[in-house]
């Protein structure tokens, strides 16, 4: 018969588990609060510290815009024919066509087939470019609001402030460094080439193919 664990140990284990759950709770809450703050930021118009970190914030905004523009362009290349089939189903053309086929009415079948083709040719481009336009507008708004979100804007401002402290090389130093890199690269390439030919020759002498 197994002895029951001491009451003190059971209490300690319960407190430890409770403490671990309590420690995890703030991290989950902070993650949720950050996402909620970002979502709320999309419905604000105010600008945040517009005079600070202009360069890095503009580059970030243009990067977001290019990403969404690429997504919109890719959307125009997609095939939405399957979606047009749903459109014809909602409009009742599919049901009418099936009824005409069941009734063996060749004239009505041809007429409804032409209507469906016309519907597809009109519906697909409108839907495709509407989705692409919506993605583009969403990207324009999101990119502008992202760089005005306080937390992210402060990060970009601090990045630009740190980049301003970087000491960039002059023309002469850049030229000399480039020459050194190229010389070392060519030297190593030639050295590896010599090693390669030497190993091939050794393998041929010992009969290893």
C-alpha atoms as a PDB file:
ATOM      1  CA  UNK A   1       0.000   0.000   0.000  1.00  0.00           C
ATOM      2  CA  UNK A   2       1.470   3.347  -1.096  1.00  0.00           C
ATOM      3  CA  UNK A   3       1.858   6.023   1.530  1.00  0.00           C
ATOM      4  CA  UNK A   4       0.190   9.346   0.852  1.00  0.00           C
ATOM      5  CA  UNK A   5       2.590  12.219   0.162  1.00  0.00           C
ATOM      6  CA  UNK A   6       3.060  14.664   2.992  1.00  0.00           C
ATOM      7  CA  UNK A   7       0.561  17.472   3.081  1.00  0.00           C
ATOM      8  CA  UNK A   8       3.321  20.058   2.934  1.00  0.00           C
ATOM      9  CA  UNK A   9       4.744  18.634  -0.292  1.00  0.00           C
ATOM     10  CA  UNK A  10       1.318  18.498  -1.933  1.00  0.00           C
ATOM     11  CA  UNK A  11       0.725  22.105  -0.954  1.00  0.00           C
ATOM     12  CA  UNK A  12       4.127  23.119  -2.317  1.00  0.00           C
ATOM     13  CA  UNK A  13       3.450  21.383  -5.640  1.00  0.00           C
ATOM     14  CA  UNK A  14       0.087  23.115  -5.931  1.00  0.00           C
ATOM     15  CA  UNK A  15       1.643  26.483  -5.170  1.00  0.00           C
ATOM     16  CA  UNK A  16       4.419  25.850  -7.706  1.00  0.00           C
ATOM     17  CA  UNK A  17       1.911  24.997 -10.429  1.00  0.00           C
ATOM     18  CA  UNK A  18      -0.168  28.026  -9.520  1.00  0.00           C
ATOM     19  CA  UNK A  19       2.921  30.232  -9.668  1.00  0.00           C
ATOM     20  CA  UNK A  20       3.929  28.871 -13.085  1.00  0.00           C
ATOM     21  CA  UNK A  21       0.445  29.523 -14.432  1.00  0.00           C
ATOM     22  CA  UNK A  22       0.540  33.010 -12.966  1.00  0.00           C
ATOM     23  CA  UNK A  23       3.918  33.668 -14.595  1.00  0.00           C
ATOM     24  CA  UNK A  24       2.601  32.561 -17.999  1.00  0.00           C
ATOM     25  CA  UNK A  25      -0.507  34.709 -17.684  1.00  0.00           C
ATOM     26  CA  UNK A  26       1.227  38.132 -18.038  1.00  0.00           C
ATOM     27  CA  UNK A  27       3.087  37.012 -21.173  1.00  0.00           C
ATOM     28  CA  UNK A  28      -0.142  35.878 -22.815  1.00  0.00           C
ATOM     29  CA  UNK A  29      -1.893  39.062 -21.765  1.00  0.00           C
ATOM     30  CA  UNK A  30       0.918  41.249 -23.119  1.00  0.00           C
ATOM     31  CA  UNK A  31       0.789  39.411 -26.448  1.00  0.00           C
ATOM     32  CA  UNK A  32      -2.977  39.880 -26.704  1.00  0.00           C
ATOM     33  CA  UNK A  33      -2.731  43.520 -25.636  1.00  0.00           C
ATOM     34  CA  UNK A  34      -0.054  44.214 -28.263  1.00  0.00           C
ATOM     35  CA  UNK A  35      -2.218  42.718 -31.011  1.00  0.00           C
ATOM     36  CA  UNK A  36      -5.265  44.646 -29.811  1.00  0.00           C
ATOM     37  CA  UNK A  37      -3.245  47.870 -29.737  1.00  0.00           C
ATOM     38  CA  UNK A  38      -2.067  47.294 -33.310  1.00  0.00           C
ATOM     39  CA  UNK A  39      -5.659  46.613 -34.392  1.00  0.00           C
ATOM     40  CA  UNK A  40      -6.909  49.789 -32.681  1.00  0.00           C
ATOM     41  CA  UNK A  41      -4.102  51.767 -34.312  1.00  0.00           C
ATOM     42  CA  UNK A  42      -5.521  50.973 -37.766  1.00  0.00           C
ATOM     43  CA  UNK A  43      -8.612  53.042 -36.970  1.00  0.00           C
ATOM     44  CA  UNK A  44      -6.733  56.175 -35.912  1.00  0.00           C
ATOM     45  CA  UNK A  45      -5.683  59.066 -38.118  1.00  0.00           C
ATOM     46  CA  UNK A  46      -3.195  60.880 -35.901  1.00  0.00           C
ATOM     47  CA  UNK A  47       0.500  61.025 -36.775  1.00  0.00           C
ATOM     48  CA  UNK A  48       3.096  60.013 -34.212  1.00  0.00           C
ATOM     49  CA  UNK A  49       6.320  62.064 -33.914  1.00  0.00           C
ATOM     50  CA  UNK A  50       6.200  62.949 -37.593  1.00  0.00           C
ATOM     51  CA  UNK A  51       9.442  64.931 -37.479  1.00  0.00           C
ATOM     52  CA  UNK A  52      11.549  62.045 -36.122  1.00  0.00           C
ATOM     53  CA  UNK A  53      12.991  59.059 -37.965  1.00  0.00           C
ATOM     54  CA  UNK A  54      11.684  60.232 -41.305  1.00  0.00           C
ATOM     55  CA  UNK A  55      14.041  58.255 -43.560  1.00  0.00           C
ATOM     56  CA  UNK A  56      13.701  54.834 -41.966  1.00  0.00           C
ATOM     57  CA  UNK A  57       9.944  55.295 -41.561  1.00  0.00           C
ATOM     58  CA  UNK A  58       9.513  56.222 -45.213  1.00  0.00           C
ATOM     59  CA  UNK A  59      11.605  53.231 -46.304  1.00  0.00           C
ATOM     60  CA  UNK A  60       9.539  50.945 -44.089  1.00  0.00           C
ATOM     61  CA  UNK A  61       6.292  52.348 -45.453  1.00  0.00           C
ATOM     62  CA  UNK A  62       7.471  51.910 -49.043  1.00  0.00           C
ATOM     63  CA  UNK A  63       8.535  48.345 -48.249  1.00  0.00           C
ATOM     64  CA  UNK A  64       5.047  47.540 -46.948  1.00  0.00           C
ATOM     65  CA  UNK A  65       3.472  49.212 -49.975  1.00  0.00           C
ATOM     66  CA  UNK A  66       5.629  47.239 -52.396  1.00  0.00           C
ATOM     67  CA  UNK A  67       4.738  44.009 -50.600  1.00  0.00           C
ATOM     68  CA  UNK A  68       0.998  44.677 -50.863  1.00  0.00           C
ATOM     69  CA  UNK A  69       1.346  45.903 -54.466  1.00  0.00           C
ATOM     70  CA  UNK A  70       3.066  42.626 -55.335  1.00  0.00           C
ATOM     71  CA  UNK A  71       0.241  40.697 -53.678  1.00  0.00           C
ATOM     72  CA  UNK A  72      -2.328  42.705 -55.661  1.00  0.00           C
ATOM     73  CA  UNK A  73      -0.440  42.068 -58.898  1.00  0.00           C
ATOM     74  CA  UNK A  74      -0.267  38.335 -58.156  1.00  0.00           C
ATOM     75  CA  UNK A  75      -3.993  38.408 -57.497  1.00  0.00           C
ATOM     76  CA  UNK A  76      -4.637  39.657 -61.050  1.00  0.00           C
ATOM     77  CA  UNK A  77      -2.772  36.593 -62.373  1.00  0.00           C
ATOM     78  CA  UNK A  78      -4.914  34.096 -60.465  1.00  0.00           C
ATOM     79  CA  UNK A  79      -7.646  32.046 -62.110  1.00  0.00           C
ATOM     80  CA  UNK A  80     -11.033  32.710 -60.504  1.00  0.00           C
ATOM     81  CA  UNK A  81     -13.048  30.595 -62.942  1.00  0.00           C
ATOM     82  CA  UNK A  82     -14.146  28.349 -60.071  1.00  0.00           C
ATOM     83  CA  UNK A  83     -15.606  31.383 -58.329  1.00  0.00           C
ATOM     84  CA  UNK A  84     -17.575  32.294 -61.446  1.00  0.00           C
ATOM     85  CA  UNK A  85     -19.229  28.898 -61.194  1.00  0.00           C
ATOM     86  CA  UNK A  86     -20.502  29.900 -57.771  1.00  0.00           C
ATOM     87  CA  UNK A  87     -21.768  33.148 -59.276  1.00  0.00           C
ATOM     88  CA  UNK A  88     -23.737  31.313 -61.926  1.00  0.00           C
ATOM     89  CA  UNK A  89     -25.137  29.029 -59.237  1.00  0.00           C
ATOM     90  CA  UNK A  90     -26.306  31.990 -57.124  1.00  0.00           C
ATOM     91  CA  UNK A  91     -27.790  33.694 -60.179  1.00  0.00           C
ATOM     92  CA  UNK A  92     -29.813  30.567 -61.030  1.00  0.00           C
ATOM     93  CA  UNK A  93     -28.233  29.998 -64.465  1.00  0.00           C
ATOM     94  CA  UNK A  94     -26.814  26.628 -63.444  1.00  0.00           C
ATOM     95  CA  UNK A  95     -30.226  25.387 -62.311  1.00  0.00           C
ATOM     96  CA  UNK A  96     -31.884  26.642 -65.493  1.00  0.00           C
ATOM     97  CA  UNK A  97     -29.205  24.966 -67.619  1.00  0.00           C
ATOM     98  CA  UNK A  98     -29.660  21.672 -65.791  1.00  0.00           C
ATOM     99  CA  UNK A  99     -33.440  21.885 -66.265  1.00  0.00           C
ATOM    100  CA  UNK A 100     -32.989  22.571 -69.987  1.00  0.00           C
ATOM    101  CA  UNK A 101     -30.659  19.583 -70.307  1.00  0.00           C
ATOM    102  CA  UNK A 102     -33.124  17.350 -68.518  1.00  0.00           C
ATOM    103  CA  UNK A 103     -35.853  18.553 -70.896  1.00  0.00           C
ATOM    104  CA  UNK A 104     -33.529  17.982 -73.890  1.00  0.00           C
ATOM    105  CA  UNK A 105     -34.187  21.516 -75.114  1.00  0.00           C
ATOM    106  CA  UNK A 106     -31.124  22.115 -77.319  1.00  0.00           C
ATOM    107  CA  UNK A 107     -32.046  25.723 -78.154  1.00  0.00           C
ATOM    108  CA  UNK A 108     -32.450  26.699 -74.498  1.00  0.00           C
ATOM    109  CA  UNK A 109     -29.244  24.859 -73.550  1.00  0.00           C
ATOM    110  CA  UNK A 110     -27.288  26.802 -76.188  1.00  0.00           C
ATOM    111  CA  UNK A 111     -28.839  30.082 -75.044  1.00  0.00           C
ATOM    112  CA  UNK A 112     -28.075  29.460 -71.377  1.00  0.00           C
ATOM    113  CA  UNK A 113     -24.545  28.306 -72.225  1.00  0.00           C
ATOM    114  CA  UNK A 114     -23.922  31.601 -74.024  1.00  0.00           C
ATOM    115  CA  UNK A 115     -25.310  33.501 -71.032  1.00  0.00           C
ATOM    116  CA  UNK A 116     -22.982  31.638 -68.670  1.00  0.00           C
ATOM    117  CA  UNK A 117     -19.998  32.374 -70.911  1.00  0.00           C
ATOM    118  CA  UNK A 118     -20.957  36.063 -70.988  1.00  0.00           C
ATOM    119  CA  UNK A 119     -21.417  36.040 -67.215  1.00  0.00           C
ATOM    120  CA  UNK A 120     -17.977  34.469 -66.729  1.00  0.00           C
ATOM    121  CA  UNK A 121     -16.258  36.946 -69.052  1.00  0.00           C
ATOM    122  CA  UNK A 122     -17.865  39.879 -67.213  1.00  0.00           C
ATOM    123  CA  UNK A 123     -17.740  38.588 -63.649  1.00  0.00           C
ATOM    124  CA  UNK A 124     -14.180  37.244 -63.433  1.00  0.00           C
ATOM    125  CA  UNK A 125     -12.304  40.455 -64.417  1.00  0.00           C
ATOM    126  CA  UNK A 126     -14.512  42.624 -62.202  1.00  0.00           C
ATOM    127  CA  UNK A 127     -14.025  40.331 -59.211  1.00  0.00           C
ATOM    128  CA  UNK A 128     -10.275  39.917 -59.837  1.00  0.00           C
ATOM    129  CA  UNK A 129      -9.516  43.628 -60.080  1.00  0.00           C
ATOM    130  CA  UNK A 130     -11.859  44.422 -57.201  1.00  0.00           C
ATOM    131  CA  UNK A 131      -9.915  42.069 -54.919  1.00  0.00           C
ATOM    132  CA  UNK A 132      -6.595  43.431 -56.204  1.00  0.00           C
ATOM    133  CA  UNK A 133      -7.763  47.003 -55.621  1.00  0.00           C
ATOM    134  CA  UNK A 134      -8.958  46.157 -52.109  1.00  0.00           C
ATOM    135  CA  UNK A 135      -5.579  44.590 -51.275  1.00  0.00           C
ATOM    136  CA  UNK A 136      -3.769  47.641 -52.654  1.00  0.00           C
ATOM    137  CA  UNK A 137      -5.908  50.108 -50.669  1.00  0.00           C
ATOM    138  CA  UNK A 138      -5.549  48.021 -47.525  1.00  0.00           C
ATOM    139  CA  UNK A 139      -1.771  47.972 -48.003  1.00  0.00           C
ATOM    140  CA  UNK A 140      -1.595  51.741 -48.495  1.00  0.00           C
ATOM    141  CA  UNK A 141      -3.530  52.367 -45.301  1.00  0.00           C
ATOM    142  CA  UNK A 142      -1.716  49.690 -43.281  1.00  0.00           C
ATOM    143  CA  UNK A 143       1.730  50.919 -44.347  1.00  0.00           C
ATOM    144  CA  UNK A 144       0.928  54.491 -43.350  1.00  0.00           C
ATOM    145  CA  UNK A 145      -0.627  53.511 -40.028  1.00  0.00           C
ATOM    146  CA  UNK A 146       2.177  51.065 -39.183  1.00  0.00           C
ATOM    147  CA  UNK A 147       4.854  53.764 -39.147  1.00  0.00           C
ATOM    148  CA  UNK A 148       2.597  55.905 -36.936  1.00  0.00           C
ATOM    149  CA  UNK A 149       1.969  53.145 -34.399  1.00  0.00           C
ATOM    150  CA  UNK A 150       3.698  54.419 -31.254  1.00  0.00           C
ATOM    151  CA  UNK A 151       5.580  51.250 -30.301  1.00  0.00           C
ATOM    152  CA  UNK A 152       6.821  50.494 -33.802  1.00  0.00           C
ATOM    153  CA  UNK A 153       7.515  54.149 -34.609  1.00  0.00           C
ATOM    154  CA  UNK A 154       9.689  54.490 -31.500  1.00  0.00           C
ATOM    155  CA  UNK A 155      11.620  51.416 -32.607  1.00  0.00           C
ATOM    156  CA  UNK A 156      12.208  52.878 -36.081  1.00  0.00           C
ATOM    157  CA  UNK A 157      13.233  56.228 -34.583  1.00  0.00           C
ATOM    158  CA  UNK A 158      15.785  54.504 -32.345  1.00  0.00           C
ATOM    159  CA  UNK A 159      17.086  52.510 -35.338  1.00  0.00           C
ATOM    160  CA  UNK A 160      17.677  55.689 -37.336  1.00  0.00           C
ATOM    161  CA  UNK A 161      19.336  57.297 -34.307  1.00  0.00           C
ATOM    162  CA  UNK A 162      21.726  54.339 -34.006  1.00  0.00           C
ATOM    163  CA  UNK A 163      22.430  54.343 -37.741  1.00  0.00           C
ATOM    164  CA  UNK A 164      23.410  58.013 -37.475  1.00  0.00           C
ATOM    165  CA  UNK A 165      26.169  56.975 -35.078  1.00  0.00           C
ATOM    166  CA  UNK A 166      27.705  54.544 -37.602  1.00  0.00           C
ATOM    167  CA  UNK A 167      31.064  55.641 -39.020  1.00  0.00           C
ATOM    168  CA  UNK A 168      30.918  55.008 -42.763  1.00  0.00           C
ATOM    169  CA  UNK A 169      34.203  54.511 -44.688  1.00  0.00           C
ATOM    170  CA  UNK A 170      35.475  57.178 -47.052  1.00  0.00           C
ATOM    171  CA  UNK A 171      36.139  56.703 -50.753  1.00  0.00           C
ATOM    172  CA  UNK A 172      39.849  55.877 -50.313  1.00  0.00           C
ATOM    173  CA  UNK A 173      39.202  53.407 -47.473  1.00  0.00           C
ATOM    174  CA  UNK A 174      36.397  51.747 -49.426  1.00  0.00           C
ATOM    175  CA  UNK A 175      38.638  51.392 -52.489  1.00  0.00           C
ATOM    176  CA  UNK A 176      41.534  49.873 -50.541  1.00  0.00           C
ATOM    177  CA  UNK A 177      39.217  47.483 -48.653  1.00  0.00           C
ATOM    178  CA  UNK A 178      37.634  46.338 -51.917  1.00  0.00           C
ATOM    179  CA  UNK A 179      41.066  45.645 -53.442  1.00  0.00           C
ATOM    180  CA  UNK A 180      42.105  43.636 -50.375  1.00  0.00           C
ATOM    181  CA  UNK A 181      38.936  41.533 -50.514  1.00  0.00           C
ATOM    182  CA  UNK A 182      39.349  40.837 -54.249  1.00  0.00           C
ATOM    183  CA  UNK A 183      43.024  39.902 -53.870  1.00  0.00           C
ATOM    184  CA  UNK A 184      42.296  37.529 -50.988  1.00  0.00           C
ATOM    185  CA  UNK A 185      39.396  35.999 -52.898  1.00  0.00           C
ATOM    186  CA  UNK A 186      41.523  35.376 -56.024  1.00  0.00           C
ATOM    187  CA  UNK A 187      44.365  33.966 -53.910  1.00  0.00           C
ATOM    188  CA  UNK A 188      42.063  31.502 -52.151  1.00  0.00           C
ATOM    189  CA  UNK A 189      40.407  30.515 -55.433  1.00  0.00           C
ATOM    190  CA  UNK A 190      43.828  29.779 -56.985  1.00  0.00           C
ATOM    191  CA  UNK A 191      44.941  27.879 -53.888  1.00  0.00           C
ATOM    192  CA  UNK A 192      41.858  25.657 -53.914  1.00  0.00           C
ATOM    193  CA  UNK A 193      42.341  25.088 -57.658  1.00  0.00           C
ATOM    194  CA  UNK A 194      45.897  23.860 -57.032  1.00  0.00           C
ATOM    195  CA  UNK A 195      44.684  21.591 -54.239  1.00  0.00           C
ATOM    196  CA  UNK A 196      42.001  20.216 -56.526  1.00  0.00           C
ATOM    197  CA  UNK A 197      44.431  19.346 -59.339  1.00  0.00           C
ATOM    198  CA  UNK A 198      46.867  17.858 -56.826  1.00  0.00           C
ATOM    199  CA  UNK A 199      44.210  15.590 -55.316  1.00  0.00           C
ATOM    200  CA  UNK A 200      43.023  14.502 -58.775  1.00  0.00           C
ATOM    201  CA  UNK A 201      46.602  13.592 -59.738  1.00  0.00           C
ATOM    202  CA  UNK A 202      47.131  11.641 -56.508  1.00  0.00           C
ATOM    203  CA  UNK A 203      43.887   9.735 -56.995  1.00  0.00           C
ATOM    204  CA  UNK A 204      44.879   8.817 -60.548  1.00  0.00           C
ATOM    205  CA  UNK A 205      48.275   7.539 -59.375  1.00  0.00           C
ATOM    206  CA  UNK A 206      46.768   5.284 -56.663  1.00  0.00           C
ATOM    207  CA  UNK A 207      44.032   4.103 -59.035  1.00  0.00           C
ATOM    208  CA  UNK A 208      41.048   5.836 -57.450  1.00  0.00           C
ATOM    209  CA  UNK A 209      38.582   7.125 -59.991  1.00  0.00           C
END
